[in-house]
Amino acid sequence: MGFVALIFALLIEQGRPLPARNSVYVGLEAYADLVKGGTDAGRREYGAFGWCIVVGTVLAILLLVQWLLSTLHPLALFCLYVAVLYWTVGFRQFSHAFTEIQLALAAGDVSGVRAIAQAWLGRHDPDLVIGDVPVHEICRLAISHALVATHRHVFGPLFWFILPFGAVGPVLYRLAQLLADRWGSADDGYGDFARRVYFVLDWLPLRLSAAGFAVVGNFEDAVYCWRGAIASGTGNDQRALLLATGGGALGLRLADAELEARWATGRQSFDWQGPDPGAEGLRSAVGLVWRSVILWIALFAMLTVANWLGQ
């Protein structure tokens, strides 16, 4: 049931993309702010209390609905799985802007590329100002963001859905990510706890995403960059590890100057001399992502078939 529900959810999402600022996410962010405002009494340990309230109430409601639908009819439970996957897994929240950048580059519209990149990337980094940065830098930012978004919006929740938790797994992952993004920038108990929990939940899925990039891309360079990132002391920086491996798999320089400086001055110096990305790099990144998706969907299908045969 889970594999078929995933295929249905992806097909629906392709035809009707989920807006990045949709009512469910906005409502959850408002609820998170309400809980933080009502539980923040100035003590750091209250961060764990607030996190558990937000996640616990949502998961309790979901578990109740899942149990009720399972007693009603298997088709009702299937519809719940499709709905949950539609809201937690999908490409179109970030792939549309990525495609627009490709089309603008192909048309030679550099000002359009900058405008699209500012609108897209600026939503996630309000301090980012594209201005008149070179095209290769825009391509680097776009590919870096697309690889991270692919992991967060596809591979991460998919990993938690494959585990035998039903609809709870991807919702738990997405809630942890939402709270890490919402509270994580604050230097208080709420931000610290949200970051730590998301780091734990994302530790294995991120490494599986990086492994997928290595398998379907340039394996030797990807493994070299993975080992270099770990040797330099940035192995526990989830984003740094993903960009290092993704850059090696593509044969491109994806790290920014700050991350490259950390690699160069770490425990062991690591220097990746890949070329700067361009329009061809964007196309290569799309191919890498799709090959990775096919790989993990195929593995999910094999697990599903093995489970059917074992029953």
Protein backbone atom coordinates (compact mmCIF):
# COMPACT_ATOMS: atom_id res chain seq x y z
CA MET A 1 0.00 0.00 0.00
CA GLY A 2 2.78 2.42 0.90
CA PHE A 3 4.58 2.20 -2.44
CA VAL A 4 1.38 2.68 -4.45
CA ALA A 5 0.43 5.63 -2.22
CA LEU A 6 3.82 7.23 -2.93
CA ILE A 7 3.34 6.92 -6.70
CA PHE A 8 -0.15 8.44 -6.46
CA ALA A 9 1.11 11.30 -4.30
CA LEU A 10 3.98 12.11 -6.69
CA LEU A 11 1.63 12.05 -9.69
CA ILE A 12 -0.83 14.37 -7.96
CA GLU A 13 1.99 16.69 -6.94
CA GLN A 14 3.23 16.88 -10.52
CA GLY A 15 -0.22 17.92 -11.72
CA ARG A 16 -1.10 20.14 -8.78
CA PRO A 17 2.06 21.40 -7.05
CA LEU A 18 1.87 22.19 -3.37
CA PRO A 19 2.59 25.90 -2.78
CA ALA A 20 5.58 26.59 -0.57
CA ARG A 21 3.40 28.85 1.61
CA ASN A 22 0.36 26.59 1.91
CA SER A 23 -2.30 26.71 4.58
CA VAL A 24 -1.06 23.62 6.43
CA TYR A 25 2.51 24.88 6.82
CA VAL A 26 1.34 28.39 7.71
CA GLY A 27 -1.03 26.95 10.31
CA LEU A 28 1.70 24.79 11.83
CA GLU A 29 4.09 27.75 11.99
CA ALA A 30 1.40 29.81 13.74
CA TYR A 31 0.77 26.95 16.19
CA ALA A 32 4.51 26.64 16.87
CA ASP A 33 4.73 30.38 17.57
CA LEU A 34 1.70 30.15 19.86
CA VAL A 35 3.19 27.27 21.85
CA LYS A 36 6.54 29.01 22.17
CA GLY A 37 4.88 32.21 23.32
CA GLY A 38 2.84 30.30 25.92
CA THR A 39 5.66 28.12 27.30
CA ASP A 40 8.70 30.38 27.10
CA ALA A 41 9.38 31.28 30.73
CA GLY A 42 13.05 32.09 30.27
CA ARG A 43 14.45 28.65 31.09
CA ARG A 44 16.29 26.68 28.40
CA GLU A 45 14.74 23.33 29.33
CA TYR A 46 11.33 24.67 28.32
CA GLY A 47 12.48 24.35 24.70
CA ALA A 48 12.11 20.57 24.92
CA PHE A 49 8.71 21.01 26.56
CA GLY A 50 7.47 23.30 23.79
CA TRP A 51 8.83 21.01 21.06
CA CYS A 52 7.08 17.98 22.56
CA ILE A 53 3.78 19.86 22.79
CA VAL A 54 3.84 20.87 19.12
CA VAL A 55 4.97 17.52 17.77
CA GLY A 56 3.04 15.44 20.29
CA THR A 57 -0.34 17.01 19.60
CA VAL A 58 0.02 16.75 15.82
CA LEU A 59 1.20 13.14 15.94
CA ALA A 60 -1.49 12.18 18.46
CA ILE A 61 -4.19 13.51 16.14
CA LEU A 62 -2.60 11.76 13.17
CA LEU A 63 -2.36 8.45 15.04
CA LEU A 64 -6.01 8.69 16.04
CA VAL A 65 -7.09 9.41 12.46
CA GLN A 66 -4.87 6.61 11.16
CA TRP A 67 -6.39 4.12 13.61
CA LEU A 68 -9.96 5.18 12.84
CA LEU A 69 -9.41 4.92 9.09
CA SER A 70 -7.71 1.53 9.41
CA THR A 71 -10.80 0.19 11.20
CA LEU A 72 -13.09 1.74 8.59
CA HIS A 73 -11.60 0.44 5.32
CA PRO A 74 -8.13 -0.13 3.80
CA LEU A 75 -8.98 2.32 1.03
CA ALA A 76 -9.57 5.06 3.61
CA LEU A 77 -6.12 4.40 5.11
CA PHE A 78 -4.63 4.46 1.60
CA CYS A 79 -6.15 7.91 1.02
CA LEU A 80 -4.59 9.12 4.28
CA TYR A 81 -1.17 7.90 3.14
CA VAL A 82 -1.56 9.68 -0.20
CA ALA A 83 -2.59 12.92 1.54
CA VAL A 84 0.31 12.76 4.02
CA LEU A 85 2.85 12.06 1.28
CA TYR A 86 1.41 14.84 -0.87
CA TRP A 87 2.00 17.32 1.96
CA THR A 88 5.44 16.01 2.94
CA VAL A 89 7.13 14.69 -0.25
CA GLY A 90 7.48 16.48 -3.55
CA PHE A 91 9.69 18.22 -6.12
CA ARG A 92 7.58 21.04 -7.36
CA GLN A 93 8.10 23.29 -4.33
CA PHE A 94 11.60 24.01 -5.65
CA SER A 95 11.88 22.52 -9.15
CA HIS A 96 9.72 25.17 -10.84
CA ALA A 97 12.15 28.03 -10.07
CA PHE A 98 15.10 25.81 -10.98
CA THR A 99 13.55 25.16 -14.40
CA GLU A 100 12.85 28.87 -14.89
CA ILE A 101 16.54 29.65 -14.27
CA GLN A 102 17.52 27.05 -16.88
CA LEU A 103 15.12 28.53 -19.45
CA ALA A 104 16.31 32.09 -18.77
CA LEU A 105 19.94 31.01 -19.16
CA ALA A 106 19.14 29.26 -22.43
CA ALA A 107 17.52 32.48 -23.69
CA GLY A 108 20.52 34.56 -22.59
CA ASP A 109 18.37 36.59 -20.18
CA VAL A 110 20.90 37.25 -17.41
CA SER A 111 18.75 39.89 -15.69
CA GLY A 112 15.86 37.42 -15.66
CA VAL A 113 18.11 34.77 -14.13
CA ARG A 114 19.06 37.17 -11.35
CA ALA A 115 15.45 38.16 -10.72
CA ILE A 116 14.26 34.54 -10.54
CA ALA A 117 17.14 33.57 -8.27
CA GLN A 118 16.49 36.51 -5.95
CA ALA A 119 12.79 35.67 -5.66
CA TRP A 120 13.43 31.95 -5.14
CA LEU A 121 16.49 31.91 -2.91
CA GLY A 122 15.51 35.09 -1.09
CA ARG A 123 12.50 33.29 0.40
CA HIS A 124 14.87 30.96 2.25
CA ASP A 125 17.63 33.49 2.98
CA PRO A 126 16.23 37.01 3.51
CA ASP A 127 19.77 38.41 3.78
CA LEU A 128 20.74 37.18 0.31
CA VAL A 129 21.19 39.89 -2.31
CA ILE A 130 21.89 38.59 -5.81
CA GLY A 131 22.64 42.01 -7.28
CA ASP A 132 25.07 41.68 -10.18
CA VAL A 133 26.86 38.49 -9.05
CA PRO A 134 28.31 36.36 -11.87
CA VAL A 135 26.11 33.78 -13.56
CA HIS A 136 28.29 30.90 -12.39
CA GLU A 137 27.71 32.00 -8.78
CA ILE A 138 23.93 32.00 -9.35
CA CYS A 139 24.23 28.51 -10.84
CA ARG A 140 26.23 27.40 -7.80
CA LEU A 141 23.61 28.79 -5.43
CA ALA A 142 20.77 27.22 -7.43
CA ILE A 143 22.37 23.76 -7.59
CA SER A 144 23.35 23.84 -3.92
CA HIS A 145 19.86 24.82 -2.85
CA ALA A 146 18.25 22.25 -5.17
CA LEU A 147 20.34 19.38 -3.78
CA VAL A 148 19.55 20.34 -0.18
CA ALA A 149 15.86 20.84 -1.03
CA THR A 150 15.72 17.48 -2.81
CA HIS A 151 17.00 15.79 0.31
CA ARG A 152 14.66 17.66 2.63
CA HIS A 153 11.54 17.40 0.48
CA VAL A 154 12.02 13.94 -1.04
CA PHE A 155 14.67 11.64 0.39
CA GLY A 156 14.33 12.60 4.07
CA PRO A 157 10.56 12.09 4.43
CA LEU A 158 10.69 9.10 2.07
CA PHE A 159 13.20 7.38 4.36
CA TRP A 160 10.91 7.86 7.36
CA PHE A 161 7.92 6.63 5.36
CA ILE A 162 9.70 3.41 4.38
CA LEU A 163 10.17 2.60 8.06
CA PRO A 164 7.19 0.76 9.62
CA PHE A 165 5.64 3.87 11.21
CA GLY A 166 2.92 4.50 8.65
CA ALA A 167 2.02 8.13 8.11
CA VAL A 168 3.74 9.17 11.34
CA GLY A 169 7.29 8.91 9.98
CA PRO A 170 7.25 11.62 7.26
CA VAL A 171 5.12 13.92 9.42
CA LEU A 172 7.59 13.62 12.30
CA TYR A 173 10.47 14.44 9.96
CA ARG A 174 8.68 17.40 8.39
CA LEU A 175 7.64 18.79 11.80
CA ALA A 176 11.20 18.49 13.09
CA GLN A 177 12.47 20.35 10.03
CA LEU A 178 9.79 23.02 10.35
CA LEU A 179 10.64 23.67 14.01
CA ALA A 180 14.37 23.68 13.28
CA ASP A 181 13.79 26.31 10.60
CA ARG A 182 11.32 28.28 12.71
CA TRP A 183 13.11 28.19 16.06
CA GLY A 184 16.64 27.16 15.09
CA SER A 185 18.01 30.65 14.51
CA ALA A 186 17.29 31.66 18.11
CA ASP A 187 20.04 31.19 20.70
CA ASP A 188 17.74 29.77 23.37
CA GLY A 189 16.41 26.44 24.57
CA TYR A 190 13.85 26.25 21.77
CA GLY A 191 16.40 26.76 19.02
CA ASP A 192 18.99 24.45 20.59
CA PHE A 193 16.57 21.58 21.13
CA ALA A 194 14.92 21.91 17.71
CA ARG A 195 18.32 21.86 15.99
CA ARG A 196 19.54 18.85 17.95
CA VAL A 197 16.42 16.77 17.33
CA TYR A 198 16.42 17.52 13.62
CA PHE A 199 20.12 16.67 13.44
CA VAL A 200 19.42 13.26 14.98
CA LEU A 201 16.40 12.53 12.77
CA ASP A 202 18.26 13.69 9.66
CA TRP A 203 21.62 12.03 10.37
CA LEU A 204 21.02 8.73 8.58
CA PRO A 205 18.66 9.97 5.82
CA LEU A 206 21.17 12.65 4.79
CA ARG A 207 23.98 10.14 4.49
CA LEU A 208 21.77 7.87 2.44
CA SER A 209 20.97 10.83 0.18
CA ALA A 210 24.68 11.55 -0.19
CA ALA A 211 25.33 7.86 -0.89
CA GLY A 212 22.63 7.94 -3.58
CA PHE A 213 24.31 10.91 -5.26
CA ALA A 214 27.61 9.02 -5.19
CA VAL A 215 26.11 5.84 -6.69
CA VAL A 216 24.37 7.59 -9.60
CA GLY A 217 27.07 10.24 -10.14
CA ASN A 218 30.85 10.29 -10.23
CA PHE A 219 31.44 7.74 -7.49
CA GLU A 220 35.19 8.18 -6.98
CA ASP A 221 35.07 11.97 -6.73
CA ALA A 222 31.98 11.85 -4.51
CA VAL A 223 33.66 9.46 -2.05
CA TYR A 224 36.84 11.56 -2.14
CA CYS A 225 34.88 14.70 -1.24
CA TRP A 226 32.89 12.84 1.43
CA ARG A 227 36.08 11.63 3.09
CA GLY A 228 37.68 15.05 2.71
CA ALA A 229 34.75 16.78 4.42
CA ILE A 230 34.93 14.34 7.33
CA ALA A 231 38.73 14.65 7.62
CA SER A 232 38.47 18.44 7.70
CA GLY A 233 36.10 18.29 10.68
CA THR A 234 32.90 19.29 8.89
CA GLY A 235 31.43 15.78 8.74
CA ASN A 236 28.80 16.66 11.34
CA ASP A 237 27.67 19.69 9.34
CA GLN A 238 24.81 18.09 7.43
CA ARG A 239 24.69 20.69 4.67
CA ALA A 240 28.48 20.71 4.22
CA LEU A 241 28.59 16.93 3.85
CA LEU A 242 25.74 16.91 1.32
CA LEU A 243 27.29 19.69 -0.78
CA ALA A 244 30.71 18.06 -0.68
CA THR A 245 29.36 14.72 -1.89
CA GLY A 246 26.97 16.29 -4.38
CA GLY A 247 29.74 18.47 -5.78
CA GLY A 248 31.99 15.46 -6.19
CA ALA A 249 29.21 13.45 -7.84
CA LEU A 250 28.67 16.28 -10.33
CA GLY A 251 32.33 17.20 -10.67
CA LEU A 252 31.51 20.82 -9.75
CA ARG A 253 32.44 23.35 -7.06
CA LEU A 254 29.31 23.84 -4.98
CA ALA A 255 30.70 25.10 -1.67
CA ASP A 256 30.75 28.82 -0.93
CA ALA A 257 33.88 30.70 0.14
CA GLU A 258 33.11 30.27 3.85
CA LEU A 259 32.72 26.51 3.60
CA GLU A 260 35.84 26.18 1.45
CA ALA A 261 37.76 28.14 4.09
CA ARG A 262 36.54 25.72 6.77
CA TRP A 263 37.71 22.81 4.63
CA ALA A 264 41.10 24.43 4.06
CA THR A 265 41.70 25.25 7.74
CA GLY A 266 40.17 22.12 9.31
CA ARG A 267 41.88 19.24 11.05
CA GLN A 268 43.13 18.08 7.65
CA SER A 269 43.14 20.44 4.70
CA PHE A 270 40.64 19.49 2.00
CA ASP A 271 40.61 21.29 -1.32
CA TRP A 272 38.16 20.31 -4.06
CA GLN A 273 39.25 21.78 -7.41
CA GLY A 274 36.06 21.25 -9.37
CA PRO A 275 35.08 23.82 -12.02
CA ASP A 276 32.46 26.50 -11.43
CA PRO A 277 28.98 25.40 -12.54
CA GLY A 278 27.16 26.85 -15.53
CA ALA A 279 24.12 26.02 -17.62
CA GLU A 280 25.50 22.54 -18.28
CA GLY A 281 25.90 22.07 -14.54
CA LEU A 282 22.22 22.82 -14.03
CA ARG A 283 21.29 20.09 -16.50
CA SER A 284 23.70 17.68 -14.84
CA ALA A 285 22.15 18.43 -11.44
CA VAL A 286 18.66 17.67 -12.77
CA GLY A 287 19.91 14.35 -14.12
CA LEU A 288 21.63 13.50 -10.84
CA VAL A 289 18.47 14.20 -8.84
CA TRP A 290 16.22 12.16 -11.11
CA ARG A 291 18.61 9.21 -11.14
CA SER A 292 18.73 9.33 -7.35
CA VAL A 293 14.94 9.41 -7.14
CA ILE A 294 14.63 6.44 -9.48
CA LEU A 295 17.23 4.58 -7.40
CA TRP A 296 15.39 5.04 -4.10
CA ILE A 297 11.94 4.40 -5.58
CA ALA A 298 13.29 1.19 -7.11
CA LEU A 299 14.70 0.15 -3.73
CA PHE A 300 11.34 0.94 -2.10
CA ALA A 301 9.59 -1.17 -4.75
CA MET A 302 11.98 -4.07 -4.11
CA LEU A 303 11.30 -3.88 -0.37
CA THR A 304 7.57 -3.82 -1.06
CA VAL A 305 7.74 -6.87 -3.32
CA ALA A 306 9.91 -8.72 -0.79
CA ASN A 307 7.36 -7.95 1.92
CA TRP A 308 4.50 -9.23 -0.26
CA LEU A 309 6.39 -12.44 -1.06
CA GLY A 310 7.19 -12.96 2.60
CA GLN A 311 3.57 -12.82 3.70
